[in-house]
């Protein structure tokens, strides 16, 4: 399997601002996002009325009264939709250091707008990137019917980089309706992860899939071959997976950018009969090596878990095996997978290159394995 960006989170520490376990929405390596509360108003005003954080759009800074109205709107979003903009708390101290999340746009309920704002003293440390990446991956998994979007000031180079690192693609320029001058903003959309039936894999798509697999393999990805494997061998392996899909034993999932290019693929192998009716195996997860650093591994994996949850009737447990030596364990652990077995030197790639054969699993509902 070939993925990217595999830093794993640390345990959540106790902190006054973290709230109860039921309040916690998302955790990343350094912060917790939790549901907002009415008593967050002081922190909300503090974070949203600091002119230093509005250098690129000073006219957008709200008044204290407008902050009160916006917090009320955030609370309503959570009651109605089960998601929205949330408090960002430091995992160690519990201090509220930002506000971030996704919410339905007033003008487009098919889209979820990505947003984050951090305290001035927390800017420049990569927290916006960390939070945005987690939010996009979560939304693709749990709200696949909605398109994740973002609007960024064209002169705000840091936020433009953050949007791209979260996996979003700029697809145009639009005026910001809330801005007094209606100035144009860069408009971003997230990739989509979708299941594809074998009947839909005509020759053009098959060629795209083989092209991607060959590129990943030649870049050193652990996707069933060593670098330099022939296109014919890779195509034959793909055809075997497609045969399983035709037989109802596998589901092909593809990741595409909003402007069209294929960026990733993976398979769920399932319906293997007694005693594995409740299990699906993750196979051949891979993303385009030309798009490394764009969060696509997390987006594809999250989207595939969402597809398994919606489409694999009776499946409760997810499993995978991976080749040691590539840092993949931390990547999967960050997405809720647990190592359940390891055979040292269980894989021999060459006469002198032995790797551990590692097994991981997670429950489809996200609860702990035990």
Protein backbone atom coordinates (compact mmCIF):
# COMPACT_ATOMS: atom_id res chain seq x y z
CA UNK A 1 0.00 0.00 0.00
CA UNK A 2 1.19 3.51 -0.71
CA UNK A 3 0.09 6.43 1.46
CA UNK A 4 1.55 9.59 2.94
CA UNK A 5 1.91 11.85 5.98
CA UNK A 6 2.00 9.34 8.78
CA UNK A 7 2.36 11.23 12.07
CA UNK A 8 0.32 9.64 14.80
CA UNK A 9 -1.61 11.46 17.55
CA UNK A 10 -0.63 11.46 21.20
CA UNK A 11 -3.07 10.52 23.99
CA UNK A 12 -5.55 13.21 24.96
CA UNK A 13 -4.50 14.96 28.16
CA UNK A 14 -6.89 16.34 30.74
CA UNK A 15 -7.63 20.03 30.33
CA UNK A 16 -10.39 22.35 31.46
CA UNK A 17 -11.32 23.42 27.92
CA UNK A 18 -11.57 19.95 26.42
CA UNK A 19 -15.11 19.28 27.64
CA UNK A 20 -16.71 15.90 28.28
CA UNK A 21 -15.99 12.90 26.01
CA UNK A 22 -19.34 13.46 24.31
CA UNK A 23 -18.27 16.99 23.35
CA UNK A 24 -15.13 15.89 21.51
CA UNK A 25 -15.49 15.89 17.75
CA UNK A 26 -11.97 15.45 16.36
CA UNK A 27 -8.49 15.07 17.77
CA UNK A 28 -5.22 15.80 16.01
CA UNK A 29 -1.66 15.56 17.22
CA UNK A 30 -1.84 18.87 19.11
CA UNK A 31 -5.46 19.93 19.49
CA UNK A 32 -9.00 18.78 20.17
CA UNK A 33 -12.02 20.14 18.32
CA UNK A 34 -15.13 20.04 20.50
CA UNK A 35 -18.73 21.17 20.28
CA UNK A 36 -19.19 24.85 21.16
CA UNK A 37 -20.95 25.91 24.37
CA UNK A 38 -22.71 29.13 25.38
CA UNK A 39 -19.95 29.82 27.90
CA UNK A 40 -17.40 29.96 25.05
CA UNK A 41 -18.47 33.53 24.31
CA UNK A 42 -15.50 35.24 25.99
CA UNK A 43 -13.04 33.04 24.09
CA UNK A 44 -15.01 33.52 20.88
CA UNK A 45 -14.85 37.31 21.20
CA UNK A 46 -11.16 37.20 22.11
CA UNK A 47 -10.32 35.11 19.05
CA UNK A 48 -12.50 36.96 16.57
CA UNK A 49 -11.81 40.58 17.50
CA UNK A 50 -8.01 40.53 17.34
CA UNK A 51 -7.11 42.78 14.38
CA UNK A 52 -3.75 41.04 14.02
CA UNK A 53 -5.52 37.98 12.61
CA UNK A 54 -7.47 40.03 10.04
CA UNK A 55 -4.50 41.58 8.26
CA UNK A 56 -5.76 40.36 4.86
CA UNK A 57 -9.41 41.28 5.44
CA UNK A 58 -9.75 43.92 8.18
CA UNK A 59 -13.32 44.75 7.16
CA UNK A 60 -14.34 41.16 8.01
CA UNK A 61 -13.54 41.46 11.73
CA UNK A 62 -16.84 41.22 13.66
CA UNK A 63 -17.94 43.35 16.57
CA UNK A 64 -18.47 41.81 20.00
CA UNK A 65 -22.23 41.85 19.39
CA UNK A 66 -21.79 40.13 16.04
CA UNK A 67 -19.62 37.52 17.78
CA UNK A 68 -22.52 36.79 20.12
CA UNK A 69 -24.82 36.30 17.11
CA UNK A 70 -22.33 34.08 15.31
CA UNK A 71 -21.78 31.87 18.34
CA UNK A 72 -25.56 31.45 18.59
CA UNK A 73 -25.56 30.43 14.92
CA UNK A 74 -22.80 27.89 15.60
CA UNK A 75 -24.76 26.35 18.47
CA UNK A 76 -27.83 26.11 16.21
CA UNK A 77 -25.81 24.41 13.46
CA UNK A 78 -24.67 21.72 15.87
CA UNK A 79 -28.17 21.10 17.14
CA UNK A 80 -29.57 20.87 13.61
CA UNK A 81 -26.76 19.24 11.62
CA UNK A 82 -24.53 17.47 14.14
CA UNK A 83 -21.53 19.45 12.88
CA UNK A 84 -20.42 23.04 12.38
CA UNK A 85 -17.75 25.39 13.63
CA UNK A 86 -16.14 24.21 16.87
CA UNK A 87 -13.83 25.29 19.66
CA UNK A 88 -10.17 24.32 19.18
CA UNK A 89 -8.51 23.41 22.49
CA UNK A 90 -4.86 22.69 23.19
CA UNK A 91 -4.50 18.98 24.05
CA UNK A 92 -2.19 19.63 26.98
CA UNK A 93 -3.47 22.81 28.62
CA UNK A 94 -7.10 22.70 27.47
CA UNK A 95 -6.88 26.39 26.52
CA UNK A 96 -9.21 27.44 23.68
CA UNK A 97 -6.79 28.62 21.00
CA UNK A 98 -9.00 28.76 17.93
CA UNK A 99 -12.26 28.12 16.16
CA UNK A 100 -12.58 25.72 13.22
CA UNK A 101 -14.90 23.35 11.42
CA UNK A 102 -17.21 22.89 8.46
CA UNK A 103 -20.74 24.22 8.10
CA UNK A 104 -23.44 24.38 5.46
CA UNK A 105 -23.38 27.57 3.43
CA UNK A 106 -26.49 29.71 3.63
CA UNK A 107 -26.62 29.89 -0.16
CA UNK A 108 -25.64 26.28 -0.93
CA UNK A 109 -26.72 23.50 1.40
CA UNK A 110 -24.96 20.92 -0.79
CA UNK A 111 -21.59 22.39 0.25
CA UNK A 112 -19.73 22.51 3.54
CA UNK A 113 -17.43 25.49 4.03
CA UNK A 114 -14.06 24.80 5.66
CA UNK A 115 -13.03 27.42 8.22
CA UNK A 116 -10.37 27.96 10.86
CA UNK A 117 -9.16 30.90 12.92
CA UNK A 118 -6.32 30.64 15.42
CA UNK A 119 -5.05 32.89 18.17
CA UNK A 120 -2.29 35.17 16.92
CA UNK A 121 0.38 33.54 19.06
CA UNK A 122 -0.44 30.12 17.54
CA UNK A 123 0.00 31.20 13.93
CA UNK A 124 2.97 30.01 11.91
CA UNK A 125 3.32 26.61 13.56
CA UNK A 126 1.36 24.52 11.08
CA UNK A 127 -1.77 24.18 13.24
CA UNK A 128 -4.06 25.46 10.49
CA UNK A 129 -2.71 22.77 8.19
CA UNK A 130 -3.09 20.08 10.85
CA UNK A 131 -6.67 21.05 11.62
CA UNK A 132 -7.75 21.52 7.99
CA UNK A 133 -6.36 18.14 6.93
CA UNK A 134 -8.28 16.36 9.68
CA UNK A 135 -11.50 18.23 8.90
CA UNK A 136 -11.41 17.45 5.18
CA UNK A 137 -10.71 13.75 5.74
CA UNK A 138 -13.48 13.51 8.36
CA UNK A 139 -16.01 15.24 6.13
CA UNK A 140 -15.27 13.09 3.09
CA UNK A 141 -15.85 10.01 5.26
CA UNK A 142 -18.90 11.12 7.22
CA UNK A 143 -20.65 13.63 4.92
CA UNK A 144 -19.98 12.29 1.40
CA UNK A 145 -23.14 13.89 0.02
CA UNK A 146 -21.68 17.36 0.68
CA UNK A 147 -18.86 19.03 -1.22
CA UNK A 148 -16.10 20.50 0.97
CA UNK A 149 -15.23 24.02 -0.19
CA UNK A 150 -13.17 26.98 0.97
CA UNK A 151 -12.84 30.67 0.08
CA UNK A 152 -9.40 32.22 0.53
CA UNK A 153 -8.15 35.75 -0.05
CA UNK A 154 -5.88 35.63 -3.10
CA UNK A 155 -3.13 37.55 -1.30
CA UNK A 156 -3.18 35.29 1.77
CA UNK A 157 -0.41 32.97 0.66
CA UNK A 158 -0.29 31.06 3.95
CA UNK A 159 -3.98 30.15 3.77
CA UNK A 160 -3.67 29.27 0.07
CA UNK A 161 -0.91 26.81 0.97
CA UNK A 162 -2.98 25.41 3.83
CA UNK A 163 -5.96 24.76 1.57
CA UNK A 164 -3.77 22.90 -0.92
CA UNK A 165 -2.09 20.88 1.84
CA UNK A 166 -5.54 19.85 3.12
CA UNK A 167 -6.25 18.31 -0.29
CA UNK A 168 -8.36 21.08 -1.79
CA UNK A 169 -7.99 22.23 -5.39
CA UNK A 170 -8.56 25.78 -6.59
CA UNK A 171 -11.24 25.62 -9.27
CA UNK A 172 -12.00 29.30 -9.75
CA UNK A 173 -12.48 32.73 -8.24
CA UNK A 174 -15.68 33.98 -6.62
CA UNK A 175 -16.75 37.17 -4.85
CA UNK A 176 -17.04 36.91 -1.07
CA UNK A 177 -20.64 37.80 -0.32
CA UNK A 178 -19.93 38.78 3.30
CA UNK A 179 -17.21 41.22 2.26
CA UNK A 180 -18.39 44.86 2.01
CA UNK A 181 -16.52 45.34 -1.26
CA UNK A 182 -17.35 41.88 -2.60
CA UNK A 183 -13.72 41.32 -3.58
CA UNK A 184 -12.85 38.10 -5.42
CA UNK A 185 -11.61 35.13 -3.42
CA UNK A 186 -9.90 31.93 -4.51
CA UNK A 187 -12.51 29.16 -4.50
CA UNK A 188 -11.42 25.61 -3.56
CA UNK A 189 -13.13 22.22 -3.68
CA UNK A 190 -12.15 18.86 -2.19
CA UNK A 191 -11.60 15.61 -4.12
CA UNK A 192 -14.35 12.99 -4.11
CA UNK A 193 -14.09 9.31 -3.21
CA UNK A 194 -16.66 7.14 -4.97
CA UNK A 195 -17.33 3.45 -5.59
CA UNK A 196 -17.11 2.26 -9.19
CA UNK A 197 -18.70 -0.94 -10.44
CA UNK A 198 -16.71 -3.25 -12.68
CA UNK A 199 -19.25 -2.61 -15.44
CA UNK A 200 -18.25 1.07 -15.35
CA UNK A 201 -14.57 0.28 -15.92
CA UNK A 202 -14.27 0.70 -19.66
CA UNK A 203 -10.95 0.82 -21.48
CA UNK A 204 -10.22 4.53 -20.77
CA UNK A 205 -10.71 4.11 -17.00
CA UNK A 206 -8.81 0.82 -16.98
CA UNK A 207 -5.86 2.58 -18.62
CA UNK A 208 -6.01 5.35 -16.02
CA UNK A 209 -6.03 2.79 -13.21
CA UNK A 210 -3.08 0.87 -14.66
CA UNK A 211 -1.16 4.11 -15.28
CA UNK A 212 -1.63 5.17 -11.66
CA UNK A 213 -0.69 1.74 -10.29
CA UNK A 214 2.51 1.66 -12.39
CA UNK A 215 3.50 5.16 -11.23
CA UNK A 216 2.91 4.27 -7.58
CA UNK A 217 4.81 1.02 -7.94
CA UNK A 218 7.79 2.63 -9.66
CA UNK A 219 7.88 5.29 -6.91
CA UNK A 220 8.43 2.54 -4.33
CA UNK A 221 4.87 2.06 -3.09
CA UNK A 222 4.01 -1.27 -1.44
CA UNK A 223 1.26 -2.22 -3.90
CA UNK A 224 2.06 -5.82 -4.77
CA UNK A 225 5.20 -5.45 -6.91
CA UNK A 226 8.75 -4.19 -6.87
CA UNK A 227 9.65 -1.06 -8.87
CA UNK A 228 10.00 -1.79 -12.57
CA UNK A 229 7.22 -4.37 -12.79
CA UNK A 230 5.76 -4.54 -16.28
CA UNK A 231 2.57 -2.77 -17.23
CA UNK A 232 1.24 -6.14 -18.37
CA UNK A 233 1.72 -7.68 -14.91
CA UNK A 234 0.12 -4.71 -13.20
CA UNK A 235 -2.81 -4.81 -15.61
CA UNK A 236 -3.29 -8.52 -14.93
CA UNK A 237 -3.40 -7.85 -11.18
CA UNK A 238 -5.99 -5.11 -11.70
CA UNK A 239 -8.10 -7.45 -13.84
CA UNK A 240 -8.11 -10.03 -11.04
CA UNK A 241 -9.48 -7.42 -8.66
CA UNK A 242 -12.09 -6.38 -11.23
CA UNK A 243 -13.13 -10.02 -11.62
CA UNK A 244 -13.72 -10.12 -7.87
CA UNK A 245 -15.78 -6.94 -8.20
CA UNK A 246 -17.90 -8.52 -10.94
CA UNK A 247 -18.45 -11.50 -8.67
CA UNK A 248 -19.61 -9.30 -5.78
CA UNK A 249 -16.53 -10.05 -3.68
CA UNK A 250 -14.83 -6.67 -3.99
CA UNK A 251 -15.58 -2.94 -4.33
CA UNK A 252 -13.37 -0.58 -6.33
CA UNK A 253 -13.10 2.95 -4.89
CA UNK A 254 -11.51 5.84 -6.76
CA UNK A 255 -10.32 9.29 -5.69
CA UNK A 256 -10.60 12.13 -8.21
CA UNK A 257 -9.73 15.79 -8.03
CA UNK A 258 -12.63 18.15 -8.73
CA UNK A 259 -11.06 19.06 -12.08
CA UNK A 260 -10.95 15.43 -13.16
CA UNK A 261 -7.57 13.70 -12.68
CA UNK A 262 -7.55 10.27 -11.03
CA UNK A 263 -5.52 10.58 -7.82
CA UNK A 264 -6.05 7.32 -5.96
CA UNK A 265 -7.69 3.93 -5.80
CA UNK A 266 -8.31 1.06 -3.43
CA UNK A 267 -10.43 -2.05 -3.03
CA UNK A 268 -12.55 -3.57 -0.30
CA UNK A 269 -12.46 -7.37 -0.47
CA UNK A 270 -15.46 -8.89 1.30
CA UNK A 271 -18.12 -11.63 1.18
CA UNK A 272 -15.54 -14.37 1.73
CA UNK A 273 -18.02 -16.68 3.46
CA UNK A 274 -18.01 -18.32 6.87
CA UNK A 275 -16.59 -17.22 9.27
CA UNK A 276 -15.70 -13.89 7.63
CA UNK A 277 -19.08 -12.53 6.57
CA UNK A 278 -18.60 -9.55 8.90
CA UNK A 279 -15.09 -8.65 7.67
CA UNK A 280 -13.76 -6.56 4.77
CA UNK A 281 -10.06 -6.36 3.82
CA UNK A 282 -8.48 -3.17 2.55
CA UNK A 283 -6.45 -3.89 -0.60
CA UNK A 284 -4.12 -1.87 -2.85
CA UNK A 285 -4.67 1.54 -1.27
CA UNK A 286 -2.60 3.96 -3.33
CA UNK A 287 -2.39 7.64 -4.22
CA UNK A 288 -0.61 9.50 -7.00
CA UNK A 289 3.07 10.04 -6.06
CA UNK A 290 2.95 13.35 -7.95
CA UNK A 291 0.45 14.64 -5.37
CA UNK A 292 2.33 13.78 -2.18
CA UNK A 293 1.81 16.16 0.72
CA UNK A 294 -1.79 16.90 -0.26
CA UNK A 295 -3.54 14.78 2.39
CA UNK A 296 -4.86 12.43 -0.29
CA UNK A 297 -3.97 9.25 1.59
CA UNK A 298 -6.14 10.29 4.53
CA UNK A 299 -8.93 11.49 2.25
CA UNK A 300 -8.97 8.25 0.26
CA UNK A 301 -8.86 6.07 3.37
CA UNK A 302 -11.61 8.06 5.10
CA UNK A 303 -13.75 8.03 2.00
CA UNK A 304 -13.33 4.27 1.65
CA UNK A 305 -14.34 3.67 5.26
CA UNK A 306 -17.44 5.75 4.58
CA UNK A 307 -18.21 3.65 1.50
CA UNK A 308 -17.81 0.44 3.52
CA UNK A 309 -20.16 1.82 6.16
CA UNK A 310 -22.83 2.67 3.58
CA UNK A 311 -22.53 -0.16 1.08
CA UNK A 312 -21.07 -3.31 2.68
CA UNK A 313 -24.10 -4.78 4.42
CA UNK A 314 -23.20 -6.88 7.43
CA UNK A 315 -19.56 -5.75 7.59
CA UNK A 316 -18.48 -4.79 11.11
CA UNK A 317 -14.70 -5.27 11.07
CA UNK A 318 -12.04 -3.90 8.73
CA UNK A 319 -8.65 -5.52 8.27
CA UNK A 320 -5.47 -4.88 6.33
CA UNK A 321 -1.94 -6.19 5.94
CA UNK A 322 1.02 -3.99 5.12
CA UNK A 323 4.71 -4.23 4.34
CA UNK A 324 6.98 -2.98 7.12
CA UNK A 325 9.69 -0.40 6.65
CA UNK A 326 7.62 2.38 5.07
CA UNK A 327 6.06 4.06 8.10
CA UNK A 328 2.57 2.88 7.22
CA UNK A 329 1.63 1.79 10.74
CA UNK A 330 1.57 5.36 12.05
CA UNK A 331 -0.54 6.46 9.10
CA UNK A 332 -3.20 3.84 9.79
CA UNK A 333 -3.05 4.33 13.55
CA UNK A 334 -3.92 7.98 13.03
CA UNK A 335 -7.08 6.82 11.23
CA UNK A 336 -8.15 4.54 14.09
CA UNK A 337 -6.53 1.25 13.09
CA UNK A 338 -4.78 -0.98 15.64
CA UNK A 339 -1.90 -3.36 15.06
CA UNK A 340 -3.10 -6.90 15.82
CA UNK A 341 -0.18 -8.99 14.58
CA UNK A 342 3.37 -8.79 13.28
CA UNK A 343 5.55 -11.48 11.74
CA UNK A 344 9.17 -10.30 11.71
CA UNK A 345 10.85 -10.91 8.33
CA UNK A 346 7.61 -12.43 7.09
CA UNK A 347 8.04 -10.85 3.65
CA UNK A 348 11.07 -11.36 1.39
CA UNK A 349 11.30 -8.78 -1.38
CA UNK A 350 14.78 -9.74 -2.60
CA UNK A 351 17.47 -12.15 -1.49
CA UNK A 352 18.62 -9.62 1.13
CA UNK A 353 15.54 -7.44 1.74
CA UNK A 354 13.21 -8.88 4.40
CA UNK A 355 10.27 -6.93 5.83
CA UNK A 356 7.82 -7.45 8.65
CA UNK A 357 4.36 -8.65 7.65
CA UNK A 358 2.00 -6.53 9.77
CA UNK A 359 -1.75 -6.92 10.35
CA UNK A 360 -4.06 -4.11 11.52
CA UNK A 361 -7.79 -3.85 12.17
CA UNK A 362 -10.49 -1.40 13.19
CA UNK A 363 -14.18 -1.58 13.85
CA UNK A 364 -16.32 -0.03 11.14
CA UNK A 365 -18.21 2.02 13.76
CA UNK A 366 -14.94 3.45 15.11
CA UNK A 367 -15.27 1.94 18.59
CA UNK A 368 -12.24 0.27 20.25
CA UNK A 369 -11.54 -3.31 19.15
CA UNK A 370 -11.84 -4.60 22.71
